[in-house]
C-alpha atoms as a PDB file:
ATOM      1  CA  MET A   1     -27.861 -19.496  -5.599  1.00  0.00           C
ATOM      2  CA  SER A   2     -28.719 -16.695  -3.227  1.00  0.00           C
ATOM      3  CA  LEU A   3     -26.364 -13.825  -2.768  1.00  0.00           C
ATOM      4  CA  ALA A   4     -27.876 -13.092   0.580  1.00  0.00           C
ATOM      5  CA  PHE A   5     -25.382 -13.226   3.488  1.00  0.00           C
ATOM      6  CA  ARG A   6     -25.441 -12.773   7.305  1.00  0.00           C
ATOM      7  CA  LYS A   7     -24.452  -9.206   8.170  1.00  0.00           C
ATOM      8  CA  PRO A   8     -22.012  -9.195  11.119  1.00  0.00           C
ATOM      9  CA  ALA A   9     -23.406  -7.758  14.310  1.00  0.00           C
ATOM     10  CA  VAL A  10     -21.560  -4.352  14.189  1.00  0.00           C
ATOM     11  CA  THR A  11     -22.289  -0.755  14.357  1.00  0.00           C
ATOM     12  CA  ALA A  12     -25.081   0.307  12.031  1.00  0.00           C
ATOM     13  CA  ILE A  13     -23.694   1.675   8.695  1.00  0.00           C
ATOM     14  CA  PRO A  14     -25.215   4.997   7.801  1.00  0.00           C
ATOM     15  CA  GLY A  15     -27.613   4.775   4.870  1.00  0.00           C
ATOM     16  CA  GLU A  16     -25.616   7.000   2.582  1.00  0.00           C
ATOM     17  CA  MET A  17     -22.652   4.532   2.922  1.00  0.00           C
ATOM     18  CA  ASP A  18     -24.587   1.295   2.541  1.00  0.00           C
ATOM     19  CA  PRO A  19     -25.127   0.162  -1.030  1.00  0.00           C
ATOM     20  CA  ALA A  20     -28.252  -1.813   0.053  1.00  0.00           C
ATOM     21  CA  SER A  21     -29.867   1.456   1.351  1.00  0.00           C
ATOM     22  CA  PRO A  22     -32.073   3.699  -0.675  1.00  0.00           C
ATOM     23  CA  ASP A  23     -30.092   6.530   0.696  1.00  0.00           C
ATOM     24  CA  PHE A  24     -26.866   5.200  -0.740  1.00  0.00           C
ATOM     25  CA  ASN A  25     -24.595   7.867  -2.283  1.00  0.00           C
ATOM     26  CA  VAL A  26     -21.536   6.500  -3.983  1.00  0.00           C
ATOM     27  CA  PHE A  27     -19.660   9.572  -3.248  1.00  0.00           C
ATOM     28  CA  GLU A  28     -20.034   8.888   0.547  1.00  0.00           C
ATOM     29  CA  SER A  29     -19.049   5.215   0.116  1.00  0.00           C
ATOM     30  CA  LEU A  30     -16.076   4.367   2.300  1.00  0.00           C
ATOM     31  CA  PHE A  31     -14.280   2.519  -0.295  1.00  0.00           C
ATOM     32  CA  TYR A  32     -14.897   5.177  -2.953  1.00  0.00           C
ATOM     33  CA  LEU A  33     -13.502   7.741  -0.545  1.00  0.00           C
ATOM     34  CA  MET A  34     -10.473   5.580   0.275  1.00  0.00           C
ATOM     35  CA  ALA A  35      -9.814   4.934  -3.420  1.00  0.00           C
ATOM     36  CA  HIS A  36     -10.340   8.706  -4.247  1.00  0.00           C
ATOM     37  CA  ALA A  37      -7.827   9.800  -1.457  1.00  0.00           C
ATOM     38  CA  ASP A  38      -5.349   7.143  -2.677  1.00  0.00           C
ATOM     39  CA  PHE A  39      -5.625   8.155  -6.201  1.00  0.00           C
ATOM     40  CA  LYS A  40      -5.173  11.869  -5.404  1.00  0.00           C
ATOM     41  CA  TYR A  41      -2.296  11.168  -3.086  1.00  0.00           C
ATOM     42  CA  HIS A  42      -0.415   9.073  -5.711  1.00  0.00           C
ATOM     43  CA  GLU A  43      -1.311  11.257  -8.633  1.00  0.00           C
ATOM     44  CA  ASP A  44       1.131  14.023  -7.797  1.00  0.00           C
ATOM     45  CA  LEU A  45       3.671  11.585  -6.336  1.00  0.00           C
ATOM     46  CA  ASP A  46       3.798   9.662  -9.762  1.00  0.00           C
ATOM     47  CA  VAL A  47       4.782  12.859 -11.479  1.00  0.00           C
ATOM     48  CA  ILE A  48       7.672  13.642  -9.092  1.00  0.00           C
ATOM     49  CA  MET A  49       8.884   9.996  -8.889  1.00  0.00           C
ATOM     50  CA  ALA A  50       8.920   9.833 -12.753  1.00  0.00           C
ATOM     51  CA  LYS A  51      11.623  12.680 -12.683  1.00  0.00           C
ATOM     52  CA  VAL A  52      13.945  10.191 -10.859  1.00  0.00           C
ATOM     53  CA  ALA A  53      12.921   7.165 -12.914  1.00  0.00           C
ATOM     54  CA  VAL A  54      10.849   5.584 -10.149  1.00  0.00           C
ATOM     55  CA  ASP A  55       7.428   4.135 -10.641  1.00  0.00           C
ATOM     56  CA  ARG A  56       4.782   3.307  -7.954  1.00  0.00           C
ATOM     57  CA  THR A  57       5.855  -0.346  -7.879  1.00  0.00           C
ATOM     58  CA  THR A  58       9.467   0.536  -7.277  1.00  0.00           C
ATOM     59  CA  TYR A  59       8.471   3.079  -4.657  1.00  0.00           C
ATOM     60  CA  ARG A  60       6.440   0.468  -2.785  1.00  0.00           C
ATOM     61  CA  LEU A  61       9.131  -2.120  -2.849  1.00  0.00           C
ATOM     62  CA  MET A  62      11.745   0.472  -1.724  1.00  0.00           C
ATOM     63  CA  GLY A  63       9.523   1.551   1.127  1.00  0.00           C
ATOM     64  CA  ILE A  64       9.014  -2.062   2.294  1.00  0.00           C
ATOM     65  CA  LEU A  65      12.796  -2.734   2.091  1.00  0.00           C
ATOM     66  CA  LEU A  66      13.579   0.309   4.189  1.00  0.00           C
ATOM     67  CA  GLN A  67      11.214  -1.152   6.742  1.00  0.00           C
ATOM     68  CA  VAL A  68      12.151  -4.887   6.733  1.00  0.00           C
ATOM     69  CA  ARG A  69      15.795  -4.467   5.392  1.00  0.00           C
ATOM     70  CA  ARG A  70      15.922  -7.818   3.589  1.00  0.00           C
ATOM     71  CA  GLY A  71      13.316 -10.321   2.299  1.00  0.00           C
ATOM     72  CA  GLY A  72      12.292 -12.771  -0.200  1.00  0.00           C
ATOM     73  CA  ILE A  73      10.626 -11.525  -3.365  1.00  0.00           C
ATOM     74  CA  LYS A  74       7.376 -13.359  -2.727  1.00  0.00           C
ATOM     75  CA  THR A  75       7.095 -11.813   0.811  1.00  0.00           C
ATOM     76  CA  LEU A  76       8.179  -8.353  -0.343  1.00  0.00           C
ATOM     77  CA  CYS A  77       5.427  -8.510  -3.004  1.00  0.00           C
ATOM     78  CA  GLU A  78       2.866  -9.497  -0.411  1.00  0.00           C
ATOM     79  CA  TYR A  79       3.789  -6.570   1.680  1.00  0.00           C
ATOM     80  CA  ALA A  80       3.829  -4.176  -1.255  1.00  0.00           C
ATOM     81  CA  LEU A  81       0.469  -5.480  -2.514  1.00  0.00           C
ATOM     82  CA  LEU A  82       2.031  -6.570  -5.916  1.00  0.00           C
ATOM     83  CA  LYS A  83       1.776  -9.628  -8.018  1.00  0.00           C
ATOM     84  CA  PRO A  84       5.073 -11.568  -7.768  1.00  0.00           C
ATOM     85  CA  SER A  85       5.667 -11.211 -11.587  1.00  0.00           C
ATOM     86  CA  THR A  86       5.240  -7.370 -11.319  1.00  0.00           C
ATOM     87  CA  GLY A  87       7.528  -7.202  -8.277  1.00  0.00           C
ATOM     88  CA  SER A  88      10.078  -9.480  -9.817  1.00  0.00           C
ATOM     89  CA  ARG A  89      10.499  -7.294 -12.913  1.00  0.00           C
ATOM     90  CA  ALA A  90      10.704  -4.184 -10.819  1.00  0.00           C
ATOM     91  CA  ILE A  91      13.398  -5.720  -8.619  1.00  0.00           C
ATOM     92  CA  GLU A  92      15.337  -6.695 -11.838  1.00  0.00           C
ATOM     93  CA  ARG A  93      15.124  -2.942 -12.870  1.00  0.00           C
ATOM     94  CA  MET A  94      16.236  -1.907  -9.347  1.00  0.00           C
ATOM     95  CA  ARG A  95      19.087  -4.375  -9.468  1.00  0.00           C
ATOM     96  CA  GLU A  96      20.211  -2.975 -12.875  1.00  0.00           C
ATOM     97  CA  ASN A  97      20.070   0.625 -11.466  1.00  0.00           C
ATOM     98  CA  GLY A  98      22.358  -0.455  -8.482  1.00  0.00           C
ATOM     99  CA  TRP A  99      19.446   0.107  -6.014  1.00  0.00           C
ATOM    100  CA  VAL A 100      19.246  -3.416  -4.614  1.00  0.00           C
ATOM    101  CA  LYS A 101      21.394  -6.495  -4.476  1.00  0.00           C
ATOM    102  CA  THR A 102      19.890 -10.005  -4.876  1.00  0.00           C
ATOM    103  CA  GLU A 103      21.131 -13.441  -3.806  1.00  0.00           C
ATOM    104  CA  THR A 104      19.874 -16.874  -3.293  1.00  0.00           C
ATOM    105  CA  SER A 105      18.156 -17.337   0.194  1.00  0.00           C
ATOM    106  CA  THR A 106      20.313 -19.166   2.692  1.00  0.00           C
ATOM    107  CA  THR A 107      17.202 -20.788   4.170  1.00  0.00           C
ATOM    108  CA  ASP A 108      15.503 -21.733   0.848  1.00  0.00           C
ATOM    109  CA  ALA A 109      17.539 -22.149  -2.384  1.00  0.00           C
ATOM    110  CA  ARG A 110      14.358 -21.494  -4.441  1.00  0.00           C
ATOM    111  CA  GLU A 111      13.867 -18.141  -3.054  1.00  0.00           C
ATOM    112  CA  THR A 112      15.769 -14.880  -3.923  1.00  0.00           C
ATOM    113  CA  ASP A 113      16.478 -12.511  -1.072  1.00  0.00           C
ATOM    114  CA  VAL A 114      16.555  -8.707  -1.867  1.00  0.00           C
ATOM    115  CA  GLU A 115      18.303  -5.895   0.028  1.00  0.00           C
ATOM    116  CA  LEU A 116      18.806  -2.216  -0.714  1.00  0.00           C
ATOM    117  CA  THR A 117      22.311  -1.117  -1.464  1.00  0.00           C
ATOM    118  CA  PRO A 118      23.647   2.178   0.024  1.00  0.00           C
ATOM    119  CA  LEU A 119      22.593   3.953  -3.255  1.00  0.00           C
ATOM    120  CA  GLY A 120      19.153   2.341  -3.100  1.00  0.00           C
ATOM    121  CA  LYS A 121      18.828   3.474   0.593  1.00  0.00           C
ATOM    122  CA  LYS A 122      19.724   6.986  -0.521  1.00  0.00           C
ATOM    123  CA  VAL A 123      17.023   6.995  -3.213  1.00  0.00           C
ATOM    124  CA  ALA A 124      14.544   5.474  -0.917  1.00  0.00           C
ATOM    125  CA  MET A 125      15.151   8.151   1.798  1.00  0.00           C
ATOM    126  CA  GLY A 126      14.757  10.778  -0.811  1.00  0.00           C
ATOM    127  CA  LEU A 127      11.469   9.387  -1.808  1.00  0.00           C
ATOM    128  CA  ARG A 128      10.434   9.376   1.787  1.00  0.00           C
ATOM    129  CA  GLU A 129      11.046  13.118   2.059  1.00  0.00           C
ATOM    130  CA  VAL A 130       8.802  13.568  -1.006  1.00  0.00           C
ATOM    131  CA  THR A 131       6.012  11.426   0.328  1.00  0.00           C
ATOM    132  CA  SER A 132       6.294  13.050   3.744  1.00  0.00           C
ATOM    133  CA  ARG A 133       5.490  16.457   2.113  1.00  0.00           C
ATOM    134  CA  GLN A 134       2.594  14.876   0.322  1.00  0.00           C
ATOM    135  CA  LEU A 135       1.325  13.317   3.507  1.00  0.00           C
ATOM    136  CA  HIS A 136       1.481  16.637   5.368  1.00  0.00           C
ATOM    137  CA  ARG A 137      -0.499  18.173   2.556  1.00  0.00           C
ATOM    138  CA  ALA A 138      -3.058  15.503   2.601  1.00  0.00           C
ATOM    139  CA  VAL A 139      -3.776  15.477   6.370  1.00  0.00           C
ATOM    140  CA  ASP A 140      -3.792  19.337   6.808  1.00  0.00           C
ATOM    141  CA  GLY A 141      -6.200  20.120   9.537  1.00  0.00           C
ATOM    142  CA  LEU A 142      -6.409  16.679  11.159  1.00  0.00           C
ATOM    143  CA  SER A 143      -5.196  16.076  14.619  1.00  0.00           C
ATOM    144  CA  ALA A 144      -2.729  13.402  15.697  1.00  0.00           C
ATOM    145  CA  MET A 145      -5.647  11.683  17.597  1.00  0.00           C
ATOM    146  CA  GLU A 146      -7.811  11.776  14.340  1.00  0.00           C
ATOM    147  CA  LEU A 147      -4.984  10.327  12.413  1.00  0.00           C
ATOM    148  CA  ARG A 148      -4.423   7.491  14.918  1.00  0.00           C
ATOM    149  CA  GLN A 149      -8.213   6.783  14.858  1.00  0.00           C
ATOM    150  CA  LEU A 150      -8.158   6.583  11.096  1.00  0.00           C
ATOM    151  CA  ALA A 151      -5.255   4.190  11.175  1.00  0.00           C
ATOM    152  CA  THR A 152      -7.026   2.096  13.768  1.00  0.00           C
ATOM    153  CA  CYS A 153     -10.191   2.045  11.537  1.00  0.00           C
ATOM    154  CA  LEU A 154      -8.273   1.098   8.540  1.00  0.00           C
ATOM    155  CA  HIS A 155      -6.447  -1.665  10.418  1.00  0.00           C
ATOM    156  CA  LYS A 156      -9.853  -3.098  11.533  1.00  0.00           C
ATOM    157  CA  ILE A 157     -11.359  -2.891   7.962  1.00  0.00           C
ATOM    158  CA  GLY A 158      -8.350  -4.578   6.440  1.00  0.00           C
ATOM    159  CA  GLY A 159      -8.447  -7.279   9.174  1.00  0.00           C
ATOM    160  CA  ASN A 160     -12.165  -7.885   8.626  1.00  0.00           C
ATOM    161  CA  LEU A 161     -11.689  -8.286   5.006  1.00  0.00           C
ATOM    162  CA  SER A 162      -8.824 -10.690   5.440  1.00  0.00           C
ATOM    163  CA  ARG A 163     -10.946 -12.937   7.748  1.00  0.00           C
ATOM    164  CA  LEU A 164     -14.599 -12.574   6.727  1.00  0.00           C
ATOM    165  CA  PRO A 165     -15.813 -14.166   3.606  1.00  0.00           C
ATOM    166  CA  ILE A 166     -18.311 -12.196   1.556  1.00  0.00           C
ATOM    167  CA  GLU A 167     -20.908 -15.019   1.864  1.00  0.00           C
END
């Protein structure tokens, strides 16, 4: 079985970013750089969130719930990039803390809907303040246009990876 694949007809990838190039440099690889930035961003946040008994999974779910207001566990986990079992356990802990309420979905009795409580909204908004400070620190020196371009590029990359098979 050959691992060869047809490269999409797109802009040429600089050699230092292309693993097939003799000029490849892992430290210039786009996915290494994204992972490195994500790791550094969350490293400090994890310490701060631990002080209020919030882990990264809970933080993700709270952020999603602030955005969508109410949703089924499966959908919330998809949005938060979590396995359903991981998300379900976190939602149970959030419920025990009084941060969310859960109830059987009115449209599908097999599904559980989740919604932030007023206390949960207060905790989630406090986390947003902390993450805003971290974001400002992370993007220091970048213009609004550069940030929008970065977001556009990341949307395109994510979209490509969602629709194009590796082979």
